[in-house]
């Protein structure tokens, strides 16, 4: 039972600090966001630290209170046998290695705490990066000019769909400026539609969207979308955007996702915190012009 607890705890911590970006699957970023509130620097939010520490300690306390004598007797028995001693040394080595790895990840996150980092990998988008090929969720939202806009409006050209909120001071501005640079690079060839859906319809009303577009340095042709709270949240859920809103402050912990749609309104790629080169290549592939 003690070994099972230890394995579960190490797996829990390993999941929390597994690196995102690159070829990491999208489900990992979503799971980290929901379970630990993983932030732009790769470190858990305060409630995530609670889950990492309080959960394992609580389980250990239950084990100790319920089976104190059995645990002590089992440990003494292991210590008297060569195989048991070998197992204990193996467990100790695993603990040291994982502790060192977590410490390294903590150091990386703290060094980047002065400002959020966008993935600027120079590696190309892998040839085998998974294509989703699923229909994009239909929606009817309101743009920065007060006009209703549906998914059908995008038909006939590839599209880049991303998300943000006006009070975000960390990853949103960086990711959306990365998206803007990608759209600019593609403007002379594929010329994709650029869509940004707010994650904060409570404050990012349609009348505020044009100011956000300018603040984020997005092209004038960008479609900024909002609407009533229930409708916007339904669209975010349909896209699978993992997020957590602090009801006191309105701050939203979220995964920096960018979706690439083809001309037939299918989601071809879901990218997590991508660099410009990845977005550009994904759009070209979605439009049949990529490598």
Protein backbone atom coordinates (compact mmCIF):
# COMPACT_ATOMS: atom_id res chain seq x y z
CA UNK A 1 0.00 0.00 0.00
CA UNK A 2 2.86 2.35 0.80
CA UNK A 3 4.51 1.61 -2.55
CA UNK A 4 1.22 2.24 -4.36
CA UNK A 5 0.91 5.59 -2.55
CA UNK A 6 4.45 6.50 -3.51
CA UNK A 7 3.92 5.54 -7.18
CA UNK A 8 0.70 7.55 -7.33
CA UNK A 9 2.36 10.59 -5.73
CA UNK A 10 5.33 10.50 -8.11
CA UNK A 11 3.02 10.12 -11.11
CA UNK A 12 0.91 13.05 -9.85
CA UNK A 13 3.93 15.32 -9.57
CA UNK A 14 5.30 14.09 -12.89
CA UNK A 15 2.02 15.00 -14.59
CA UNK A 16 2.01 18.46 -13.01
CA UNK A 17 5.51 19.34 -14.25
CA UNK A 18 5.53 17.59 -17.62
CA UNK A 19 6.66 20.22 -20.16
CA UNK A 20 4.15 21.67 -22.61
CA UNK A 21 4.76 23.05 -26.07
CA UNK A 22 6.66 21.35 -28.86
CA UNK A 23 5.09 18.00 -29.62
CA UNK A 24 3.32 17.68 -26.27
CA UNK A 25 -0.29 16.51 -26.78
CA UNK A 26 -3.10 19.03 -26.34
CA UNK A 27 -4.82 16.81 -23.76
CA UNK A 28 -1.80 17.21 -21.46
CA UNK A 29 -2.13 20.99 -21.44
CA UNK A 30 -5.87 20.76 -20.81
CA UNK A 31 -5.40 18.28 -17.96
CA UNK A 32 -2.69 20.40 -16.34
CA UNK A 33 -4.86 23.49 -16.61
CA UNK A 34 -7.86 21.82 -14.98
CA UNK A 35 -6.00 19.88 -12.26
CA UNK A 36 -3.23 22.32 -11.38
CA UNK A 37 -4.11 25.66 -13.02
CA UNK A 38 -0.76 25.51 -14.82
CA UNK A 39 0.38 29.05 -15.68
CA UNK A 40 2.33 30.48 -18.61
CA UNK A 41 5.66 29.82 -16.85
CA UNK A 42 4.81 26.12 -16.48
CA UNK A 43 4.23 26.28 -12.70
CA UNK A 44 0.98 25.36 -10.93
CA UNK A 45 -1.42 28.01 -9.66
CA UNK A 46 -1.86 28.27 -5.85
CA UNK A 47 -4.72 25.79 -5.82
CA UNK A 48 -2.57 23.44 -7.91
CA UNK A 49 0.13 23.46 -5.24
CA UNK A 50 -2.58 22.56 -2.74
CA UNK A 51 -3.60 19.57 -4.85
CA UNK A 52 0.04 18.47 -5.19
CA UNK A 53 0.84 18.70 -1.49
CA UNK A 54 -2.39 18.25 0.47
CA UNK A 55 -3.66 15.30 -1.58
CA UNK A 56 -0.65 12.97 -1.11
CA UNK A 57 -0.14 14.04 2.53
CA UNK A 58 -3.80 13.37 3.30
CA UNK A 59 -3.60 9.88 1.82
CA UNK A 60 -0.36 9.16 3.70
CA UNK A 61 -1.94 10.31 6.97
CA UNK A 62 -4.87 7.95 6.44
CA UNK A 63 -2.50 5.06 5.76
CA UNK A 64 -0.43 5.84 8.83
CA UNK A 65 -3.40 6.28 11.19
CA UNK A 66 -5.15 3.16 9.94
CA UNK A 67 -2.22 0.76 9.63
CA UNK A 68 0.66 2.12 11.72
CA UNK A 69 1.79 -1.21 13.13
CA UNK A 70 1.46 -3.01 9.82
CA UNK A 71 3.48 -0.35 7.98
CA UNK A 72 6.27 -0.41 10.57
CA UNK A 73 6.37 -4.21 10.58
CA UNK A 74 6.47 -4.30 6.78
CA UNK A 75 9.32 -1.79 6.60
CA UNK A 76 11.31 -3.75 9.20
CA UNK A 77 10.74 -6.97 7.26
CA UNK A 78 11.94 -5.33 4.02
CA UNK A 79 15.06 -4.07 5.76
CA UNK A 80 16.04 -7.59 6.85
CA UNK A 81 16.03 -9.04 3.32
CA UNK A 82 18.50 -8.33 0.48
CA UNK A 83 15.65 -8.04 -2.03
CA UNK A 84 13.81 -5.68 0.26
CA UNK A 85 16.90 -3.52 0.75
CA UNK A 86 17.43 -3.42 -3.01
CA UNK A 87 13.83 -2.31 -3.49
CA UNK A 88 14.22 0.43 -0.89
CA UNK A 89 17.41 1.71 -2.56
CA UNK A 90 15.66 1.67 -5.94
CA UNK A 91 12.77 3.70 -4.51
CA UNK A 92 15.22 6.14 -2.92
CA UNK A 93 17.02 6.59 -6.25
CA UNK A 94 13.72 7.23 -8.05
CA UNK A 95 12.80 9.83 -5.43
CA UNK A 96 16.14 11.61 -5.81
CA UNK A 97 15.86 11.67 -9.60
CA UNK A 98 12.31 12.99 -9.61
CA UNK A 99 13.11 15.56 -6.92
CA UNK A 100 16.00 16.83 -9.03
CA UNK A 101 13.83 16.98 -12.14
CA UNK A 102 11.06 18.88 -10.33
CA UNK A 103 13.67 21.27 -8.90
CA UNK A 104 14.96 21.91 -12.42
CA UNK A 105 11.44 22.60 -13.70
CA UNK A 106 10.85 24.95 -10.76
CA UNK A 107 14.03 26.81 -11.57
CA UNK A 108 13.04 27.18 -15.21
CA UNK A 109 9.63 28.50 -14.22
CA UNK A 110 10.99 30.95 -11.64
CA UNK A 111 13.62 32.27 -14.05
CA UNK A 112 10.82 33.00 -16.50
CA UNK A 113 8.59 34.56 -13.85
CA UNK A 114 9.58 38.05 -14.90
CA UNK A 115 7.44 37.66 -17.97
CA UNK A 116 5.49 34.97 -19.81
CA UNK A 117 7.28 33.09 -22.52
CA UNK A 118 5.88 32.13 -25.90
CA UNK A 119 7.26 29.01 -27.52
CA UNK A 120 9.83 30.23 -30.05
CA UNK A 121 11.13 26.81 -31.02
CA UNK A 122 13.19 26.84 -34.20
CA UNK A 123 12.25 23.21 -34.86
CA UNK A 124 9.74 22.85 -37.72
CA UNK A 125 6.22 21.59 -37.20
CA UNK A 126 6.71 17.79 -37.18
CA UNK A 127 5.62 16.04 -40.35
CA UNK A 128 3.50 13.66 -38.29
CA UNK A 129 1.87 16.31 -36.10
CA UNK A 130 -1.69 14.97 -35.56
CA UNK A 131 -4.39 16.29 -37.89
CA UNK A 132 -7.80 16.46 -36.27
CA UNK A 133 -10.02 16.80 -39.36
CA UNK A 134 -13.17 17.43 -37.33
CA UNK A 135 -15.93 19.99 -37.98
CA UNK A 136 -15.45 23.28 -36.14
CA UNK A 137 -18.29 24.05 -33.70
CA UNK A 138 -20.93 26.30 -35.18
CA UNK A 139 -21.53 29.63 -33.48
CA UNK A 140 -23.20 33.00 -33.81
CA UNK A 141 -21.35 35.74 -31.90
CA UNK A 142 -21.01 39.52 -32.12
CA UNK A 143 -17.97 41.26 -33.64
CA UNK A 144 -16.32 44.58 -32.74
CA UNK A 145 -18.73 46.45 -35.02
CA UNK A 146 -21.83 45.06 -33.34
CA UNK A 147 -22.67 42.71 -36.22
CA UNK A 148 -23.61 39.07 -35.75
CA UNK A 149 -21.11 36.67 -37.23
CA UNK A 150 -21.47 32.92 -37.69
CA UNK A 151 -18.99 30.17 -38.47
CA UNK A 152 -20.34 30.07 -42.04
CA UNK A 153 -18.87 33.55 -42.59
CA UNK A 154 -15.41 31.92 -42.65
CA UNK A 155 -16.18 29.36 -45.34
CA UNK A 156 -13.97 29.44 -48.42
CA UNK A 157 -10.68 30.40 -46.78
CA UNK A 158 -8.49 28.91 -44.06
CA UNK A 159 -8.77 30.48 -40.64
CA UNK A 160 -6.71 30.96 -37.49
CA UNK A 161 -8.86 30.91 -34.34
CA UNK A 162 -7.43 31.95 -30.99
CA UNK A 163 -8.65 33.18 -27.61
CA UNK A 164 -7.82 35.83 -25.02
CA UNK A 165 -9.26 38.32 -22.58
CA UNK A 166 -8.67 42.00 -22.10
CA UNK A 167 -7.46 41.93 -18.49
CA UNK A 168 -4.87 39.23 -19.23
CA UNK A 169 -1.38 40.57 -18.52
CA UNK A 170 0.57 37.37 -19.11
CA UNK A 171 0.32 35.01 -22.05
CA UNK A 172 -2.63 36.47 -24.03
CA UNK A 173 -0.82 39.52 -25.48
CA UNK A 174 2.20 37.43 -26.48
CA UNK A 175 0.25 34.59 -28.09
CA UNK A 176 -2.07 36.96 -29.95
CA UNK A 177 0.85 39.02 -31.26
CA UNK A 178 2.42 35.75 -32.41
CA UNK A 179 -0.85 34.98 -34.21
CA UNK A 180 -0.80 38.46 -35.75
CA UNK A 181 2.75 37.97 -37.07
CA UNK A 182 1.73 34.62 -38.52
CA UNK A 183 -1.25 36.16 -40.33
CA UNK A 184 0.97 38.93 -41.68
CA UNK A 185 3.45 36.39 -43.06
CA UNK A 186 0.61 34.51 -44.76
CA UNK A 187 -1.23 37.59 -46.06
CA UNK A 188 0.38 37.57 -49.52
CA UNK A 189 -0.33 33.89 -50.20
CA UNK A 190 -2.96 31.99 -48.21
CA UNK A 191 -4.41 35.08 -46.50
CA UNK A 192 -6.29 33.26 -43.70
CA UNK A 193 -9.15 34.74 -41.71
CA UNK A 194 -8.02 35.74 -38.22
CA UNK A 195 -10.56 35.19 -35.41
CA UNK A 196 -10.15 35.98 -31.72
CA UNK A 197 -12.88 34.88 -29.28
CA UNK A 198 -12.90 36.43 -25.83
CA UNK A 199 -12.84 34.21 -22.75
CA UNK A 200 -14.21 37.06 -20.61
CA UNK A 201 -17.64 38.06 -22.02
CA UNK A 202 -18.45 39.62 -18.65
CA UNK A 203 -16.05 42.50 -19.37
CA UNK A 204 -15.00 42.11 -23.01
CA UNK A 205 -18.28 43.34 -24.46
CA UNK A 206 -18.54 44.01 -28.22
CA UNK A 207 -17.95 47.73 -27.65
CA UNK A 208 -14.58 46.95 -25.99
CA UNK A 209 -13.31 44.62 -28.71
CA UNK A 210 -11.86 47.22 -31.07
CA UNK A 211 -9.72 48.65 -28.27
CA UNK A 212 -8.46 45.16 -27.48
CA UNK A 213 -7.58 44.59 -31.13
CA UNK A 214 -5.43 47.72 -31.14
CA UNK A 215 -3.81 46.88 -27.80
CA UNK A 216 -2.88 43.41 -29.04
CA UNK A 217 -1.55 44.89 -32.32
CA UNK A 218 -3.83 42.69 -34.41
CA UNK A 219 -4.57 43.49 -38.07
CA UNK A 220 -7.62 45.63 -38.81
CA UNK A 221 -9.28 42.72 -40.60
CA UNK A 222 -9.20 40.60 -37.43
CA UNK A 223 -12.63 39.37 -36.36
CA UNK A 224 -12.96 40.03 -32.63
CA UNK A 225 -15.90 38.12 -31.15
CA UNK A 226 -17.92 38.28 -27.95
CA UNK A 227 -21.60 38.02 -26.97
CA UNK A 228 -23.71 37.05 -24.00
CA UNK A 229 -21.93 35.06 -21.30
CA UNK A 230 -23.77 31.78 -21.76
CA UNK A 231 -23.35 31.75 -25.53
CA UNK A 232 -19.61 32.57 -25.44
CA UNK A 233 -18.91 29.97 -22.77
CA UNK A 234 -20.76 27.36 -24.79
CA UNK A 235 -18.58 28.11 -27.81
CA UNK A 236 -15.41 27.88 -25.69
CA UNK A 237 -16.56 24.52 -24.31
CA UNK A 238 -17.31 23.23 -27.81
CA UNK A 239 -13.80 24.18 -28.93
CA UNK A 240 -12.42 22.41 -25.85
CA UNK A 241 -10.71 25.47 -24.35
CA UNK A 242 -9.73 24.47 -20.80
CA UNK A 243 -9.96 27.42 -18.42
CA UNK A 244 -10.67 28.39 -14.82
CA UNK A 245 -12.06 31.78 -13.79
CA UNK A 246 -11.42 33.32 -10.39
CA UNK A 247 -14.82 34.71 -9.43
CA UNK A 248 -13.25 37.30 -7.12
CA UNK A 249 -10.73 38.81 -9.52
CA UNK A 250 -12.04 37.75 -12.92
CA UNK A 251 -8.58 36.37 -13.81
CA UNK A 252 -8.78 33.33 -16.09
CA UNK A 253 -6.18 30.56 -16.07
CA UNK A 254 -6.22 28.98 -19.51
CA UNK A 255 -4.30 27.01 -22.11
CA UNK A 256 -2.85 29.15 -24.96
CA UNK A 257 -4.52 27.25 -27.79
CA UNK A 258 -4.54 28.18 -31.46
CA UNK A 259 -6.80 26.33 -33.91
CA UNK A 260 -6.25 26.14 -37.66
CA UNK A 261 -9.33 25.60 -39.85
CA UNK A 262 -9.43 24.66 -43.52
CA UNK A 263 -11.69 26.19 -46.19
CA UNK A 264 -14.48 23.72 -45.36
CA UNK A 265 -14.59 24.78 -41.69
CA UNK A 266 -12.85 21.68 -40.34
CA UNK A 267 -10.39 21.96 -37.46
CA UNK A 268 -7.18 20.59 -38.94
CA UNK A 269 -4.72 21.46 -36.16
CA UNK A 270 -4.88 22.39 -32.48
CA UNK A 271 -1.59 24.01 -31.41
CA UNK A 272 -0.54 24.68 -27.84
CA UNK A 273 1.52 27.87 -27.37
CA UNK A 274 2.94 27.64 -30.92
CA UNK A 275 5.71 29.77 -32.49
CA UNK A 276 5.07 31.75 -35.67
CA UNK A 277 6.67 29.10 -37.89
CA UNK A 278 4.31 26.41 -36.61
CA UNK A 279 1.19 28.46 -37.24
CA UNK A 280 2.36 29.42 -40.72
CA UNK A 281 3.16 25.82 -41.66
CA UNK A 282 -0.09 24.52 -40.14
CA UNK A 283 -2.15 26.98 -42.20
CA UNK A 284 -0.28 26.06 -45.37
CA UNK A 285 -0.83 22.35 -44.73
CA UNK A 286 -4.50 22.92 -43.99
CA UNK A 287 -4.80 24.73 -47.30
CA UNK A 288 -2.91 22.04 -49.17
CA UNK A 289 0.18 24.16 -49.78
CA UNK A 290 2.43 22.92 -46.95
CA UNK A 291 5.39 20.57 -46.95
